[in-house]
All heavy atoms as atom14 arrays in JSON, in Angstrom:
{
  "sequence": "IALSAAGFTVYAGARRVDKMEPLKQHGITVLSLDV",
  "atom14_mask": [
    [1, 1, 1, 1, 1, 1, 1, 1, 0, 0, 0, 0, 0, 0],
    [1, 1, 1, 1, 1, 0, 0, 0, 0, 0, 0, 0, 0, 0],
    [1, 1, 1, 1, 1, 1, 1, 1, 0, 0, 0, 0, 0, 0],
    [1, 1, 1, 1, 1, 1, 0, 0, 0, 0, 0, 0, 0, 0],
    [1, 1, 1, 1, 1, 0, 0, 0, 0, 0, 0, 0, 0, 0],
    [1, 1, 1, 1, 1, 0, 0, 0, 0, 0, 0, 0, 0, 0],
    [1, 1, 1, 1, 0, 0, 0, 0, 0, 0, 0, 0, 0, 0],
    [1, 1, 1, 1, 1, 1, 1, 1, 1, 1, 1, 0, 0, 0],
    [1, 1, 1, 1, 1, 1, 1, 0, 0, 0, 0, 0, 0, 0],
    [1, 1, 1, 1, 1, 1, 1, 0, 0, 0, 0, 0, 0, 0],
    [1, 1, 1, 1, 1, 1, 1, 1, 1, 1, 1, 1, 0, 0],
    [1, 1, 1, 1, 1, 0, 0, 0, 0, 0, 0, 0, 0, 0],
    [1, 1, 1, 1, 0, 0, 0, 0, 0, 0, 0, 0, 0, 0],
    [1, 1, 1, 1, 1, 0, 0, 0, 0, 0, 0, 0, 0, 0],
    [1, 1, 1, 1, 1, 1, 1, 1, 1, 1, 1, 0, 0, 0],
    [1, 1, 1, 1, 1, 1, 1, 1, 1, 1, 1, 0, 0, 0],
    [1, 1, 1, 1, 1, 1, 1, 0, 0, 0, 0, 0, 0, 0],
    [1, 1, 1, 1, 1, 1, 1, 1, 0, 0, 0, 0, 0, 0],
    [1, 1, 1, 1, 1, 1, 1, 1, 1, 0, 0, 0, 0, 0],
    [1, 1, 1, 1, 1, 1, 1, 1, 0, 0, 0, 0, 0, 0],
    [1, 1, 1, 1, 1, 1, 1, 1, 1, 0, 0, 0, 0, 0],
    [1, 1, 1, 1, 1, 1, 1, 0, 0, 0, 0, 0, 0, 0],
    [1, 1, 1, 1, 1, 1, 1, 1, 0, 0, 0, 0, 0, 0],
    [1, 1, 1, 1, 1, 1, 1, 1, 1, 0, 0, 0, 0, 0],
    [1, 1, 1, 1, 1, 1, 1, 1, 1, 0, 0, 0, 0, 0],
    [1, 1, 1, 1, 1, 1, 1, 1, 1, 1, 0, 0, 0, 0],
    [1, 1, 1, 1, 0, 0, 0, 0, 0, 0, 0, 0, 0, 0],
    [1, 1, 1, 1, 1, 1, 1, 1, 0, 0, 0, 0, 0, 0],
    [1, 1, 1, 1, 1, 1, 1, 0, 0, 0, 0, 0, 0, 0],
    [1, 1, 1, 1, 1, 1, 1, 0, 0, 0, 0, 0, 0, 0],
    [1, 1, 1, 1, 1, 1, 1, 1, 0, 0, 0, 0, 0, 0],
    [1, 1, 1, 1, 1, 1, 0, 0, 0, 0, 0, 0, 0, 0],
    [1, 1, 1, 1, 1, 1, 1, 1, 0, 0, 0, 0, 0, 0],
    [1, 1, 1, 1, 1, 1, 1, 1, 0, 0, 0, 0, 0, 0],
    [1, 1, 1, 1, 1, 1, 1, 0, 0, 0, 0, 0, 0, 0]
  ],
  "atom14_positions": [
    [[-2.29, 2.76, 5.67], [-1.37, 3.26, 6.7], [-1.84, 2.86, 8.09], [-1.06, 2.4, 8.94], [-1.25, 4.8, 6.6], [-0.56, 5.18, 5.28], [-0.48, 5.36, 7.8], [-0.56, 6.68, 5.0], [0.0, 0.0, 0.0], [0.0, 0.0, 0.0], [0.0, 0.0, 0.0], [0.0, 0.0, 0.0], [0.0, 0.0, 0.0], [0.0, 0.0, 0.0]],
    [[-3.13, 3.02, 8.36], [-3.67, 2.72, 9.69], [-3.57, 1.23, 10.01], [-3.27, 0.85, 11.14], [-5.12, 3.19, 9.77], [0.0, 0.0, 0.0], [0.0, 0.0, 0.0], [0.0, 0.0, 0.0], [0.0, 0.0, 0.0], [0.0, 0.0, 0.0], [0.0, 0.0, 0.0], [0.0, 0.0, 0.0], [0.0, 0.0, 0.0], [0.0, 0.0, 0.0]],
    [[-3.82, 0.37, 9.03], [-3.69, -1.06, 9.27], [-2.24, -1.46, 9.52], [-1.95, -2.3, 10.38], [-4.24, -1.84, 8.08], [-5.76, -1.88, 7.94], [-6.16, -2.48, 6.59], [-6.41, -2.66, 9.07], [0.0, 0.0, 0.0], [0.0, 0.0, 0.0], [0.0, 0.0, 0.0], [0.0, 0.0, 0.0], [0.0, 0.0, 0.0], [0.0, 0.0, 0.0]],
    [[-1.32, -0.85, 8.79], [0.09, -1.13, 9.01], [0.5, -0.72, 10.42], [1.21, -1.47, 11.12], [0.94, -0.38, 7.97], [2.31, -0.64, 8.17], [0.0, 0.0, 0.0], [0.0, 0.0, 0.0], [0.0, 0.0, 0.0], [0.0, 0.0, 0.0], [0.0, 0.0, 0.0], [0.0, 0.0, 0.0], [0.0, 0.0, 0.0], [0.0, 0.0, 0.0]],
    [[0.02, 0.44, 10.86], [0.32, 0.9, 12.21], [-0.28, -0.02, 13.27], [0.24, -0.12, 14.39], [-0.19, 2.33, 12.41], [0.0, 0.0, 0.0], [0.0, 0.0, 0.0], [0.0, 0.0, 0.0], [0.0, 0.0, 0.0], [0.0, 0.0, 0.0], [0.0, 0.0, 0.0], [0.0, 0.0, 0.0], [0.0, 0.0, 0.0], [0.0, 0.0, 0.0]],
    [[-1.37, -0.69, 12.91], [-2.03, -1.61, 13.84], [-1.4, -3.0, 13.83], [-1.87, -3.9, 14.54], [-3.51, -1.72, 13.5], [0.0, 0.0, 0.0], [0.0, 0.0, 0.0], [0.0, 0.0, 0.0], [0.0, 0.0, 0.0], [0.0, 0.0, 0.0], [0.0, 0.0, 0.0], [0.0, 0.0, 0.0], [0.0, 0.0, 0.0], [0.0, 0.0, 0.0]],
    [[-0.35, -3.2, 13.03], [0.38, -4.45, 13.06], [0.11, -5.4, 11.91], [0.66, -6.5, 11.85], [0.0, 0.0, 0.0], [0.0, 0.0, 0.0], [0.0, 0.0, 0.0], [0.0, 0.0, 0.0], [0.0, 0.0, 0.0], [0.0, 0.0, 0.0], [0.0, 0.0, 0.0], [0.0, 0.0, 0.0], [0.0, 0.0, 0.0], [0.0, 0.0, 0.0]],
    [[-0.73, -4.99, 10.96], [-0.99, -5.83, 9.79], [0.15, -5.74, 8.79], [0.8, -4.68, 8.67], [-2.27, -5.4, 9.09], [-3.55, -5.81, 9.77], [-4.06, -5.09, 10.83], [-4.24, -6.94, 9.34], [-5.24, -5.47, 11.46], [-5.41, -7.33, 9.95], [-5.92, -6.6, 11.02], [0.0, 0.0, 0.0], [0.0, 0.0, 0.0], [0.0, 0.0, 0.0]],
    [[0.4, -6.81, 8.07], [1.22, -6.77, 6.87], [0.29, -6.39, 5.73], [-0.64, -7.15, 5.41], [1.87, -8.13, 6.59], [2.73, -8.47, 7.68], [2.66, -8.09, 5.3], [0.0, 0.0, 0.0], [0.0, 0.0, 0.0], [0.0, 0.0, 0.0], [0.0, 0.0, 0.0], [0.0, 0.0, 0.0], [0.0, 0.0, 0.0], [0.0, 0.0, 0.0]],
    [[0.51, -5.23, 5.15], [-0.48, -4.64, 4.24], [0.0, -4.66, 2.8], [1.14, -4.27, 2.5], [-0.82, -3.19, 4.66], [-1.84, -2.57, 3.71], [-1.35, -3.16, 6.09], [0.0, 0.0, 0.0], [0.0, 0.0, 0.0], [0.0, 0.0, 0.0], [0.0, 0.0, 0.0], [0.0, 0.0, 0.0], [0.0, 0.0, 0.0], [0.0, 0.0, 0.0]],
    [[-0.9, -5.07, 1.93], [-0.72, -4.96, 0.48], [-1.76, -3.98, -0.02], [-2.97, -4.2, 0.13], [-0.9, -6.32, -0.19], [0.26, -7.26, 0.05], [0.38, -7.93, 1.27], [1.23, -7.46, -0.92], [1.45, -8.78, 1.51], [2.31, -8.31, -0.69], [2.41, -8.96, 0.53], [3.48, -9.79, 0.76], [0.0, 0.0, 0.0], [0.0, 0.0, 0.0]],
    [[-1.29, -2.89, -0.6], [-2.17, -1.83, -1.09], [-2.26, -1.91, -2.6], [-1.23, -1.92, -3.28], [-1.65, -0.45, -0.66], [0.0, 0.0, 0.0], [0.0, 0.0, 0.0], [0.0, 0.0, 0.0], [0.0, 0.0, 0.0], [0.0, 0.0, 0.0], [0.0, 0.0, 0.0], [0.0, 0.0, 0.0], [0.0, 0.0, 0.0], [0.0, 0.0, 0.0]],
    [[-3.47, -1.97, -3.13], [-3.63, -2.12, -4.56], [-4.46, -1.02, -5.2], [-5.41, -0.52, -4.6], [0.0, 0.0, 0.0], [0.0, 0.0, 0.0], [0.0, 0.0, 0.0], [0.0, 0.0, 0.0], [0.0, 0.0, 0.0], [0.0, 0.0, 0.0], [0.0, 0.0, 0.0], [0.0, 0.0, 0.0], [0.0, 0.0, 0.0], [0.0, 0.0, 0.0]],
    [[-4.07, -0.63, -6.4], [-4.81, 0.36, -7.19], [-4.21, 0.39, -8.59], [-3.12, -0.14, -8.83], [-4.76, 1.75, -6.56], [0.0, 0.0, 0.0], [0.0, 0.0, 0.0], [0.0, 0.0, 0.0], [0.0, 0.0, 0.0], [0.0, 0.0, 0.0], [0.0, 0.0, 0.0], [0.0, 0.0, 0.0], [0.0, 0.0, 0.0], [0.0, 0.0, 0.0]],
    [[-4.92, 1.05, -9.5], [-4.39, 1.2, -10.87], [-3.27, 2.23, -10.9], [-2.3, 2.08, -11.63], [-5.51, 1.61, -11.82], [-6.53, 0.51, -12.09], [-7.59, 0.96, -13.08], [-8.33, 2.12, -12.59], [-8.27, 3.33, -13.13], [-7.5, 3.57, -14.17], [-8.98, 4.32, -12.62], [0.0, 0.0, 0.0], [0.0, 0.0, 0.0], [0.0, 0.0, 0.0]],
    [[-3.42, 3.31, -10.13], [-2.43, 4.39, -10.15], [-1.31, 4.09, -9.15], [-1.28, 4.6, -8.03], [-3.12, 5.72, -9.83], [-4.14, 6.14, -10.89], [-4.76, 7.49, -10.59], [-5.61, 7.45, -9.41], [-6.25, 8.51, -8.9], [-6.1, 9.69, -9.47], [-7.01, 8.39, -7.84], [0.0, 0.0, 0.0], [0.0, 0.0, 0.0], [0.0, 0.0, 0.0]],
    [[-0.39, 3.25, -9.57], [0.67, 2.78, -8.68], [1.54, 3.93, -8.19], [1.99, 3.94, -7.04], [1.53, 1.72, -9.41], [2.69, 1.28, -8.52], [0.67, 0.52, -9.79], [0.0, 0.0, 0.0], [0.0, 0.0, 0.0], [0.0, 0.0, 0.0], [0.0, 0.0, 0.0], [0.0, 0.0, 0.0], [0.0, 0.0, 0.0], [0.0, 0.0, 0.0]],
    [[1.78, 4.91, -9.05], [2.64, 6.03, -8.67], [2.08, 6.79, -7.47], [2.84, 7.29, -6.63], [2.84, 6.98, -9.84], [1.52, 7.53, -10.37], [0.58, 6.73, -10.61], [1.4, 8.77, -10.52], [0.0, 0.0, 0.0], [0.0, 0.0, 0.0], [0.0, 0.0, 0.0], [0.0, 0.0, 0.0], [0.0, 0.0, 0.0], [0.0, 0.0, 0.0]],
    [[0.77, 6.85, -7.35], [0.14, 7.56, -6.24], [0.39, 6.86, -4.9], [0.27, 7.46, -3.84], [-1.37, 7.68, -6.47], [-1.78, 8.58, -7.63], [-1.78, 10.02, -7.2], [-2.39, 10.92, -8.26], [-2.43, 12.34, -7.84], [0.0, 0.0, 0.0], [0.0, 0.0, 0.0], [0.0, 0.0, 0.0], [0.0, 0.0, 0.0], [0.0, 0.0, 0.0]],
    [[0.73, 5.58, -4.97], [0.93, 4.81, -3.74], [2.37, 4.75, -3.28], [2.67, 4.13, -2.25], [0.38, 3.39, -3.94], [-1.12, 3.34, -4.19], [-1.76, 1.64, -4.23], [-1.04, 1.04, -5.77], [0.0, 0.0, 0.0], [0.0, 0.0, 0.0], [0.0, 0.0, 0.0], [0.0, 0.0, 0.0], [0.0, 0.0, 0.0], [0.0, 0.0, 0.0]],
    [[3.27, 5.38, -4.0], [4.69, 5.34, -3.63], [4.93, 5.73, -2.17], [5.74, 5.09, -1.48], [5.5, 6.23, -4.56], [5.81, 5.6, -5.91], [6.69, 4.38, -5.79], [7.7, 4.44, -5.06], [6.37, 3.35, -6.4], [0.0, 0.0, 0.0], [0.0, 0.0, 0.0], [0.0, 0.0, 0.0], [0.0, 0.0, 0.0], [0.0, 0.0, 0.0]],
    [[4.26, 6.78, -1.63], [4.51, 7.15, -0.23], [4.16, 6.04, 0.76], [4.68, 6.04, 1.89], [3.61, 8.37, -0.02], [3.4, 8.94, -1.39], [3.37, 7.75, -2.3], [0.0, 0.0, 0.0], [0.0, 0.0, 0.0], [0.0, 0.0, 0.0], [0.0, 0.0, 0.0], [0.0, 0.0, 0.0], [0.0, 0.0, 0.0], [0.0, 0.0, 0.0]],
    [[3.32, 5.11, 0.38], [2.94, 4.03, 1.29], [4.12, 3.12, 1.61], [4.17, 2.49, 2.67], [1.8, 3.2, 0.69], [0.46, 3.91, 0.53], [-0.54, 2.99, -0.15], [-0.09, 4.38, 1.88], [0.0, 0.0, 0.0], [0.0, 0.0, 0.0], [0.0, 0.0, 0.0], [0.0, 0.0, 0.0], [0.0, 0.0, 0.0], [0.0, 0.0, 0.0]],
    [[5.08, 3.06, 0.72], [6.24, 2.2, 0.93], [7.03, 2.62, 2.17], [7.68, 1.79, 2.82], [7.14, 2.2, -0.3], [6.5, 1.56, -1.53], [7.43, 1.6, -2.73], [6.81, 0.96, -3.95], [7.7, 1.01, -5.14], [0.0, 0.0, 0.0], [0.0, 0.0, 0.0], [0.0, 0.0, 0.0], [0.0, 0.0, 0.0], [0.0, 0.0, 0.0]],
    [[6.96, 3.91, 2.5], [7.65, 4.41, 3.69], [7.08, 3.81, 4.97], [7.72, 3.84, 6.03], [7.57, 5.93, 3.75], [8.16, 6.65, 2.56], [7.86, 8.14, 2.58], [7.44, 8.68, 3.6], [8.08, 8.8, 1.45], [0.0, 0.0, 0.0], [0.0, 0.0, 0.0], [0.0, 0.0, 0.0], [0.0, 0.0, 0.0], [0.0, 0.0, 0.0]],
    [[5.87, 3.29, 4.9], [5.22, 2.68, 6.06], [5.35, 1.16, 6.05], [4.67, 0.46, 6.81], [3.74, 3.06, 6.07], [3.5, 4.54, 6.17], [3.38, 5.2, 7.38], [3.38, 5.49, 5.2], [3.17, 6.49, 7.16], [3.17, 6.7, 5.84], [0.0, 0.0, 0.0], [0.0, 0.0, 0.0], [0.0, 0.0, 0.0], [0.0, 0.0, 0.0]],
    [[6.2, 0.64, 5.18], [6.4, -0.8, 5.1], [5.3, -1.53, 4.36], [5.15, -2.75, 4.5], [0.0, 0.0, 0.0], [0.0, 0.0, 0.0], [0.0, 0.0, 0.0], [0.0, 0.0, 0.0], [0.0, 0.0, 0.0], [0.0, 0.0, 0.0], [0.0, 0.0, 0.0], [0.0, 0.0, 0.0], [0.0, 0.0, 0.0], [0.0, 0.0, 0.0]],
    [[4.56, -0.81, 3.57], [3.43, -1.37, 2.83], [3.89, -1.79, 1.44], [4.61, -1.05, 0.77], [2.29, -0.34, 2.74], [1.75, -0.04, 4.15], [1.17, -0.81, 1.82], [0.88, 1.2, 4.22], [0.0, 0.0, 0.0], [0.0, 0.0, 0.0], [0.0, 0.0, 0.0], [0.0, 0.0, 0.0], [0.0, 0.0, 0.0], [0.0, 0.0, 0.0]],
    [[3.44, -2.95, 1.01], [3.74, -3.42, -0.34], [2.68, -2.9, -1.3], [1.48, -3.03, -1.04], [3.77, -4.95, -0.39], [4.76, -5.44, 0.52], [4.11, -5.43, -1.8], [0.0, 0.0, 0.0], [0.0, 0.0, 0.0], [0.0, 0.0, 0.0], [0.0, 0.0, 0.0], [0.0, 0.0, 0.0], [0.0, 0.0, 0.0], [0.0, 0.0, 0.0]],
    [[3.12, -2.32, -2.39], [2.23, -1.7, -3.37], [2.03, -2.65, -4.54], [2.99, -3.22, -5.07], [2.82, -0.36, -3.84], [2.07, 0.19, -5.03], [2.8, 0.65, -2.69], [0.0, 0.0, 0.0], [0.0, 0.0, 0.0], [0.0, 0.0, 0.0], [0.0, 0.0, 0.0], [0.0, 0.0, 0.0], [0.0, 0.0, 0.0], [0.0, 0.0, 0.0]],
    [[0.76, -2.82, -4.93], [0.41, -3.7, -6.04], [-0.33, -2.94, -7.13], [-1.17, -2.08, -6.83], [-0.52, -4.83, -5.56], [-0.03, -5.77, -4.47], [-1.17, -6.68, -4.05], [1.16, -6.58, -4.95], [0.0, 0.0, 0.0], [0.0, 0.0, 0.0], [0.0, 0.0, 0.0], [0.0, 0.0, 0.0], [0.0, 0.0, 0.0], [0.0, 0.0, 0.0]],
    [[-0.05, -3.28, -8.37], [-0.87, -2.81, -9.47], [-2.13, -3.67, -9.49], [-2.06, -4.89, -9.66], [-0.13, -2.94, -10.8], [-0.98, -2.6, -11.88], [0.0, 0.0, 0.0], [0.0, 0.0, 0.0], [0.0, 0.0, 0.0], [0.0, 0.0, 0.0], [0.0, 0.0, 0.0], [0.0, 0.0, 0.0], [0.0, 0.0, 0.0], [0.0, 0.0, 0.0]],
    [[-3.28, -3.05, -9.26], [-4.51, -3.82, -9.12], [-5.67, -3.09, -9.8], [-6.04, -1.99, -9.42], [-4.84, -4.02, -7.64], [-6.14, -4.76, -7.31], [-6.14, -6.15, -7.94], [-6.33, -4.86, -5.81], [0.0, 0.0, 0.0], [0.0, 0.0, 0.0], [0.0, 0.0, 0.0], [0.0, 0.0, 0.0], [0.0, 0.0, 0.0], [0.0, 0.0, 0.0]],
    [[-6.24, -3.73, -10.79], [-7.39, -3.22, -11.52], [-8.56, -4.17, -11.26], [-8.53, -5.33, -11.66], [-7.07, -3.17, -13.01], [-8.22, -2.63, -13.86], [-9.33, -2.47, -13.33], [-8.01, -2.4, -15.06], [0.0, 0.0, 0.0], [0.0, 0.0, 0.0], [0.0, 0.0, 0.0], [0.0, 0.0, 0.0], [0.0, 0.0, 0.0], [0.0, 0.0, 0.0]],
    [[-9.59, -3.69, -10.55], [-10.69, -4.57, -10.18], [-11.65, -4.85, -11.32], [-12.68, -5.5, -11.12], [-11.46, -4.02, -8.95], [-10.55, -3.94, -7.73], [-12.1, -2.68, -9.26], [0.0, 0.0, 0.0], [0.0, 0.0, 0.0], [0.0, 0.0, 0.0], [0.0, 0.0, 0.0], [0.0, 0.0, 0.0], [0.0, 0.0, 0.0], [0.0, 0.0, 0.0]]
  ]
}
């Protein structure tokens, strides 16, 4: 969220994609990402 507010185009990744749904409201693209 903070990087998006600072002007970055942000891709947010995690295994629990459902937990990241609120990030879409900030223009953030959500990725399924398992490191």
